[in-house]
Structures are given as C-alpha cells and as structure tokens.
C-alpha cells in the first residue's frame, strides 16, 4: 500500500493491569492498512490497542482498533484491525488528496505539529523515562499529595492542641502562673503576719502526711508567702522544717485567700510570713 508521510496527533489506549492508559504520540506515515508512529511510551509487539488518529483536513478523527506489529524504542508500527469499508475509503481518498495538494499538506502538517506539541512527546532520541507521565497519572499523584499534606497538617494541629491543653491543666493543678504574670507580681511591700492574718478570708488546713506521722515528725513550718493584688497566693517558700512537712504546708497555702492589701488606696502585691503547725 502506498504510504503518505504526515505528522498527525494520535492517542493510543493500552490496558495496563486491566486499567486503560492513554499514550499520546504522532504519526510518521499512514496508509489503508496501518500506521507508523512515535509514542510517548512503550508498547509490546502483538499487543492489541485502541487508536484515535486526527488526520489533517479531516473533520472527524479515525477511531479503530490496531495490532502492534513492531516496536523500537519510541517508534512502532500498528496494523489497523476492524477498519470499516467507509474508513478505508476515507483514508484512501485523503491520501490521494494529500498527494495532489502537496503544498497544502505541508502547511496542514506544520499546523498539526504545533497543536500536538502539548499532547505528544517531543521528538528527541531519549528513553521513555525522560518523557512526561500521562495526564491521568499526574492528576492522581497530585490528589494523593494534597491528601497526605492535609493529613499531616491535621496531625500537627491535634498534637499542638493536646500539648497546650495538657500544659494548661498542669499549671492549674500546680497553682503556677505564667512567667509574664509572675514577673508582674513582684512584692511592693513587706506586711507583718498579724496584719495579713486579719485579711484572711479562706483557709485550707494542711494534710498531715502519713509518712511524717510514722516518723513522728512535728513542729511549726515558717513560710515566705507572696500575695497577689486579688488576694490569691502567688508563691510560697518554706523557711525551715523537714521537706515532707514543708510540701504539705505549701500545698495547703496555695488555696488560701486574702482580702487585697492596699497601698495608697490601690491593691498591691505584698510579701508576708505564715506559720503552719503540725502536731499529733
């Protein structure tokens, strides 16, 4: 069969593991029986494929099945299978017209080359690995990438929320204040213990530790206490006594409440001394 040299865009559909995969390419020459083409991927001799060919000056593309007859790197030969009589006649008439109108066909071929630049692989002697992947695979990869980025963001946000929540409860349970608040509540005056005792509105008795009872530990624990502007205990520091009794005294004082001590009519942060007695 006489062949017509023409560079026309085409799509070859191949089944890969039961999933159709479209490989773009361009024709080299065409006749009634088949086509020589350059594809942006490898096909296997003897493999049946679907083919869609866009011939110059033809409105409707040629859609048919084909059989791979040979393959060399990116170049392959395809034999039409199941081509109808109307399709064969259309290709034959097209071939005659292309031969009689060579200048026109050259112009049409140049136009189709420009249109197929985005669809087919560039004409260079390279391996298939250098060619861009099919559009469907690229969209699938982008979708998975977005999903994993979203999942990592959710995990990071959840971890940050848990850390802040846990830290807040630890500070609440230990009675600690943030560094900014602590630095802002430096004592403005030293108030005698008997004066602050008159301002005491809520008192929690310390728990006598069982280990201190067994060791027969008892006595008076003196503590240096800082009271905030709102009358709450900001910090405590034991000045004497065993550690077990000192910890029990500080745990109780953390919940004490005073009326605000005022300096020049304004509530102030003050420092005082409190004594707590432990005895059987």
Protein backbone atom coordinates (compact mmCIF):
# COMPACT_ATOMS: atom_id res chain seq x y z
CA UNK A 1 0.00 0.00 0.00
CA UNK A 2 1.32 3.48 -0.81
CA UNK A 3 2.12 5.42 2.35
CA UNK A 4 1.67 9.14 2.93
CA UNK A 5 4.22 10.85 5.16
CA UNK A 6 2.32 13.03 7.64
CA UNK A 7 2.79 14.13 11.22
CA UNK A 8 -0.65 13.96 12.79
CA UNK A 9 -1.53 13.71 16.50
CA UNK A 10 -2.86 10.39 17.79
CA UNK A 11 -3.78 8.70 21.07
CA UNK A 12 -3.12 5.01 21.76
CA UNK A 13 -5.13 3.36 24.54
CA UNK A 14 -3.46 0.37 26.24
CA UNK A 15 -4.79 -1.85 29.02
CA UNK A 16 -2.32 -1.91 31.95
CA UNK A 17 -3.41 -4.39 34.67
CA UNK A 18 -6.98 -4.05 33.48
CA UNK A 19 -6.87 -0.22 33.60
CA UNK A 20 -6.93 1.76 30.32
CA UNK A 21 -3.94 4.05 29.89
CA UNK A 22 -3.71 6.66 27.14
CA UNK A 23 -0.30 7.17 25.48
CA UNK A 24 -0.01 10.28 23.26
CA UNK A 25 2.06 10.31 20.08
CA UNK A 26 2.26 11.40 16.44
CA UNK A 27 2.18 9.60 13.12
CA UNK A 28 5.10 9.28 10.71
CA UNK A 29 3.25 7.82 7.74
CA UNK A 30 -0.25 6.44 7.10
CA UNK A 31 -1.86 4.01 4.63
CA UNK A 32 -5.07 1.99 4.40
CA UNK A 33 -3.55 -0.95 6.29
CA UNK A 34 -1.74 0.74 9.12
CA UNK A 35 0.41 3.50 10.53
CA UNK A 36 3.99 4.16 11.66
CA UNK A 37 4.16 6.36 14.75
CA UNK A 38 6.29 7.83 17.56
CA UNK A 39 4.73 7.26 21.01
CA UNK A 40 5.50 8.78 24.41
CA UNK A 41 5.70 5.30 25.91
CA UNK A 42 6.49 1.70 25.03
CA UNK A 43 4.07 -0.84 23.56
CA UNK A 44 4.60 -4.58 23.12
CA UNK A 45 4.56 -6.36 19.72
CA UNK A 46 1.41 -8.44 19.41
CA UNK A 47 -0.49 -6.18 21.85
CA UNK A 48 -4.00 -5.02 20.86
CA UNK A 49 -4.63 -1.29 21.39
CA UNK A 50 -7.25 1.34 20.71
CA UNK A 51 -6.29 4.12 18.32
CA UNK A 52 -7.62 7.62 17.62
CA UNK A 53 -5.94 9.45 14.71
CA UNK A 54 -6.52 13.12 13.80
CA UNK A 55 -5.73 13.45 10.08
CA UNK A 56 -5.13 16.92 8.59
CA UNK A 57 -8.09 18.42 6.70
CA UNK A 58 -10.40 15.69 8.09
CA UNK A 59 -13.10 16.86 10.50
CA UNK A 60 -13.73 13.57 12.36
CA UNK A 61 -10.87 11.53 13.85
CA UNK A 62 -10.30 7.93 12.76
CA UNK A 63 -11.17 5.63 15.66
CA UNK A 64 -10.34 1.93 15.37
CA UNK A 65 -8.51 -0.97 16.95
CA UNK A 66 -4.94 -1.83 15.96
CA UNK A 67 -2.33 -4.52 16.47
CA UNK A 68 1.30 -3.68 17.36
CA UNK A 69 3.49 -5.27 14.67
CA UNK A 70 6.90 -3.92 15.68
CA UNK A 71 8.45 -1.64 18.27
CA UNK A 72 11.87 0.01 18.55
CA UNK A 73 12.30 2.40 21.48
CA UNK A 74 9.67 5.07 20.82
CA UNK A 75 8.95 4.09 17.24
CA UNK A 76 6.31 1.46 16.45
CA UNK A 77 4.20 0.05 13.60
CA UNK A 78 0.45 -0.51 14.04
CA UNK A 79 -1.82 -2.56 11.77
CA UNK A 80 -5.46 -1.48 11.63
CA UNK A 81 -7.91 -4.16 12.83
CA UNK A 82 -11.63 -4.00 12.11
CA UNK A 83 -11.39 -0.92 9.92
CA UNK A 84 -14.73 -0.41 8.12
CA UNK A 85 -15.05 -0.05 4.34
CA UNK A 86 -16.08 3.59 4.79
CA UNK A 87 -13.00 4.31 6.92
CA UNK A 88 -10.70 2.63 4.38
CA UNK A 89 -12.27 4.65 1.57
CA UNK A 90 -11.91 7.85 3.61
CA UNK A 91 -8.20 7.17 4.23
CA UNK A 92 -7.66 6.28 0.55
CA UNK A 93 -9.38 9.49 -0.63
CA UNK A 94 -7.45 11.51 1.93
CA UNK A 95 -4.16 10.00 0.73
CA UNK A 96 -4.93 10.89 -2.90
CA UNK A 97 -5.84 14.44 -1.91
CA UNK A 98 -2.66 14.84 0.12
CA UNK A 99 -0.52 13.67 -2.81
CA UNK A 100 -2.26 16.04 -5.26
CA UNK A 101 -2.03 19.01 -2.86
CA UNK A 102 1.48 18.69 -1.51
CA UNK A 103 1.88 22.39 -0.54
CA UNK A 104 -1.40 22.34 1.31
CA UNK A 105 -0.50 19.14 3.12
CA UNK A 106 2.84 20.58 4.22
CA UNK A 107 1.06 23.58 5.71
CA UNK A 108 -1.52 21.38 7.41
CA UNK A 109 1.20 19.11 8.79
CA UNK A 110 3.03 22.11 10.25
CA UNK A 111 -0.20 23.32 11.86
CA UNK A 112 -0.92 19.92 13.38
CA UNK A 113 2.64 19.72 14.74
CA UNK A 114 2.08 22.96 16.65
CA UNK A 115 -1.28 21.76 18.02
CA UNK A 116 0.12 18.41 19.10
CA UNK A 117 3.09 19.93 20.95
CA UNK A 118 1.17 19.86 24.24
CA UNK A 119 -0.24 16.38 23.64
CA UNK A 120 2.66 14.34 22.28
CA UNK A 121 6.27 13.78 23.39
CA UNK A 122 8.96 15.97 21.89
CA UNK A 123 10.97 14.45 19.02
CA UNK A 124 14.23 13.54 20.69
CA UNK A 125 16.17 10.29 20.92
CA UNK A 126 15.77 9.58 24.61
CA UNK A 127 14.46 6.85 26.85
CA UNK A 128 10.76 6.67 27.85
CA UNK A 129 11.70 7.66 31.38
CA UNK A 130 12.55 11.18 30.16
CA UNK A 131 9.04 11.72 28.79
CA UNK A 132 6.26 13.28 30.90
CA UNK A 133 3.80 10.83 32.52
CA UNK A 134 0.25 10.55 31.18
CA UNK A 135 -2.10 13.31 32.44
CA UNK A 136 -4.35 10.88 34.33
CA UNK A 137 -1.47 9.53 36.41
CA UNK A 138 -0.24 13.05 37.14
CA UNK A 139 -3.68 14.13 38.38
CA UNK A 140 -3.86 11.03 40.57
CA UNK A 141 -0.41 11.74 42.06
CA UNK A 142 -1.32 15.38 42.80
CA UNK A 143 -4.52 14.25 44.53
CA UNK A 144 -2.62 11.88 46.81
CA UNK A 145 -0.03 14.56 47.59
CA UNK A 146 -2.77 17.01 48.65
CA UNK A 147 -4.39 14.30 50.80
CA UNK A 148 -1.15 13.50 52.66
CA UNK A 149 -0.33 17.18 53.20
CA UNK A 150 -3.81 17.70 54.67
CA UNK A 151 -3.43 14.63 56.90
CA UNK A 152 -0.03 15.78 58.24
CA UNK A 153 -1.48 19.25 58.95
CA UNK A 154 -4.35 17.71 60.95
CA UNK A 155 -1.94 15.57 62.99
CA UNK A 156 0.33 18.55 63.76
CA UNK A 157 -2.64 20.72 64.77
CA UNK A 158 -4.03 17.97 67.03
CA UNK A 159 -0.62 17.48 68.70
CA UNK A 160 -0.27 21.22 69.33
CA UNK A 161 -3.79 21.42 70.78
CA UNK A 162 -3.14 18.44 73.09
CA UNK A 163 0.14 19.94 74.32
CA UNK A 164 -1.46 23.30 75.10
CA UNK A 165 -4.41 21.65 76.84
CA UNK A 166 -2.20 19.38 78.92
CA UNK A 167 0.16 22.25 79.83
CA UNK A 168 -2.79 24.39 80.94
CA UNK A 169 -4.05 21.67 83.27
CA UNK A 170 -0.58 21.13 84.72
CA UNK A 171 -0.28 24.83 85.50
CA UNK A 172 -3.76 24.90 87.01
CA UNK A 173 -3.15 21.87 89.21
CA UNK A 174 0.26 23.06 90.40
CA UNK A 175 -1.03 26.59 91.06
CA UNK A 176 1.70 28.10 88.90
CA UNK A 177 1.32 31.31 86.93
CA UNK A 178 2.88 32.15 83.60
CA UNK A 179 6.32 33.86 83.65
CA UNK A 180 4.77 37.13 82.44
CA UNK A 181 2.28 37.20 85.34
CA UNK A 182 4.89 36.15 87.88
CA UNK A 183 7.27 38.91 86.86
CA UNK A 184 4.48 41.49 87.00
CA UNK A 185 3.56 40.43 90.58
CA UNK A 186 6.76 41.35 92.41
CA UNK A 187 6.09 42.32 96.05
CA UNK A 188 5.57 46.04 96.63
CA UNK A 189 5.57 45.85 100.44
CA UNK A 190 6.51 43.58 103.35
CA UNK A 191 3.44 43.08 105.57
CA UNK A 192 3.60 41.61 109.11
CA UNK A 193 1.98 38.19 109.64
CA UNK A 194 -0.57 39.54 112.18
CA UNK A 195 -1.80 42.17 109.68
CA UNK A 196 -2.31 39.65 106.88
CA UNK A 197 -3.99 37.24 109.30
CA UNK A 198 -6.80 39.77 109.76
CA UNK A 199 -7.30 39.87 105.96
CA UNK A 200 -7.55 36.06 105.63
CA UNK A 201 -10.98 35.09 104.19
CA UNK A 202 -10.40 31.47 103.16
CA UNK A 203 -8.12 28.95 104.85
CA UNK A 204 -7.34 25.32 104.00
CA UNK A 205 -5.83 23.17 106.76
CA UNK A 206 -2.77 21.18 105.70
CA UNK A 207 -2.91 17.39 105.46
CA UNK A 208 -0.61 15.68 107.95
CA UNK A 209 1.40 13.26 105.78
CA UNK A 210 1.19 9.62 106.88
CA UNK A 211 4.95 9.17 106.49
CA UNK A 212 5.52 12.16 108.81
CA UNK A 213 3.24 10.60 111.43
CA UNK A 214 5.08 7.30 111.23
CA UNK A 215 8.43 9.10 111.59
CA UNK A 216 6.99 11.18 114.47
CA UNK A 217 7.77 14.42 112.64
CA UNK A 218 6.04 17.51 114.01
CA UNK A 219 6.64 21.18 114.58
CA UNK A 220 5.98 24.63 113.09
CA UNK A 221 6.82 25.36 109.46
CA UNK A 222 7.50 29.01 108.60
CA UNK A 223 6.82 30.04 105.02
CA UNK A 224 7.57 33.13 103.00
CA UNK A 225 4.38 33.94 101.02
CA UNK A 226 3.67 36.36 98.16
CA UNK A 227 0.02 37.50 97.90
CA UNK A 228 -1.25 38.96 94.62
CA UNK A 229 -3.44 42.01 94.02
CA UNK A 230 -6.56 39.84 94.03
CA UNK A 231 -5.67 38.27 97.38
CA UNK A 232 -4.60 34.88 95.99
CA UNK A 233 -1.32 33.23 96.95
CA UNK A 234 1.15 33.69 94.11
CA UNK A 235 4.12 31.79 95.52
CA UNK A 236 5.31 30.06 98.71
CA UNK A 237 8.73 29.19 100.06
CA UNK A 238 9.40 27.11 103.16
CA UNK A 239 11.97 28.64 105.51
CA UNK A 240 12.52 25.63 107.81
CA UNK A 241 11.44 22.11 108.70
CA UNK A 242 11.52 18.69 107.02
CA UNK A 243 10.70 18.56 103.32
CA UNK A 244 7.66 16.32 103.78
CA UNK A 245 6.03 18.81 106.17
CA UNK A 246 7.11 21.82 104.07
CA UNK A 247 5.47 20.34 100.95
CA UNK A 248 2.24 19.68 102.84
CA UNK A 249 2.20 23.26 104.16
CA UNK A 250 2.80 24.76 100.70
CA UNK A 251 0.07 22.58 99.18
CA UNK A 252 -2.44 23.95 101.69
CA UNK A 253 -1.35 27.61 101.41
CA UNK A 254 -1.80 27.52 97.65
CA UNK A 255 -5.58 27.61 98.22
CA UNK A 256 -5.65 30.37 100.85
CA UNK A 257 -7.40 33.64 100.01
CA UNK A 258 -6.90 37.13 101.49
CA UNK A 259 -8.60 40.43 101.07
CA UNK A 260 -6.43 42.61 98.81
CA UNK A 261 -3.83 44.61 100.72
CA UNK A 262 -3.94 48.23 99.63
CA UNK A 263 -1.10 50.72 99.28
CA UNK A 264 -2.25 54.33 98.80
CA UNK A 265 -5.75 53.03 98.18
CA UNK A 266 -4.76 50.58 95.40
CA UNK A 267 -4.45 46.80 95.63
CA UNK A 268 -0.82 45.73 95.77
CA UNK A 269 1.33 42.62 95.65
CA UNK A 270 2.79 42.02 99.11
CA UNK A 271 5.08 39.62 100.90
CA UNK A 272 4.38 38.16 104.33
CA UNK A 273 5.22 35.25 106.62
CA UNK A 274 2.85 32.43 107.59
CA UNK A 275 3.42 29.74 110.23
CA UNK A 276 1.77 26.30 109.94
CA UNK A 277 1.86 23.84 112.85
CA UNK A 278 1.95 20.06 112.56
CA UNK A 279 1.31 18.02 115.70
CA UNK A 280 -0.25 14.70 116.63
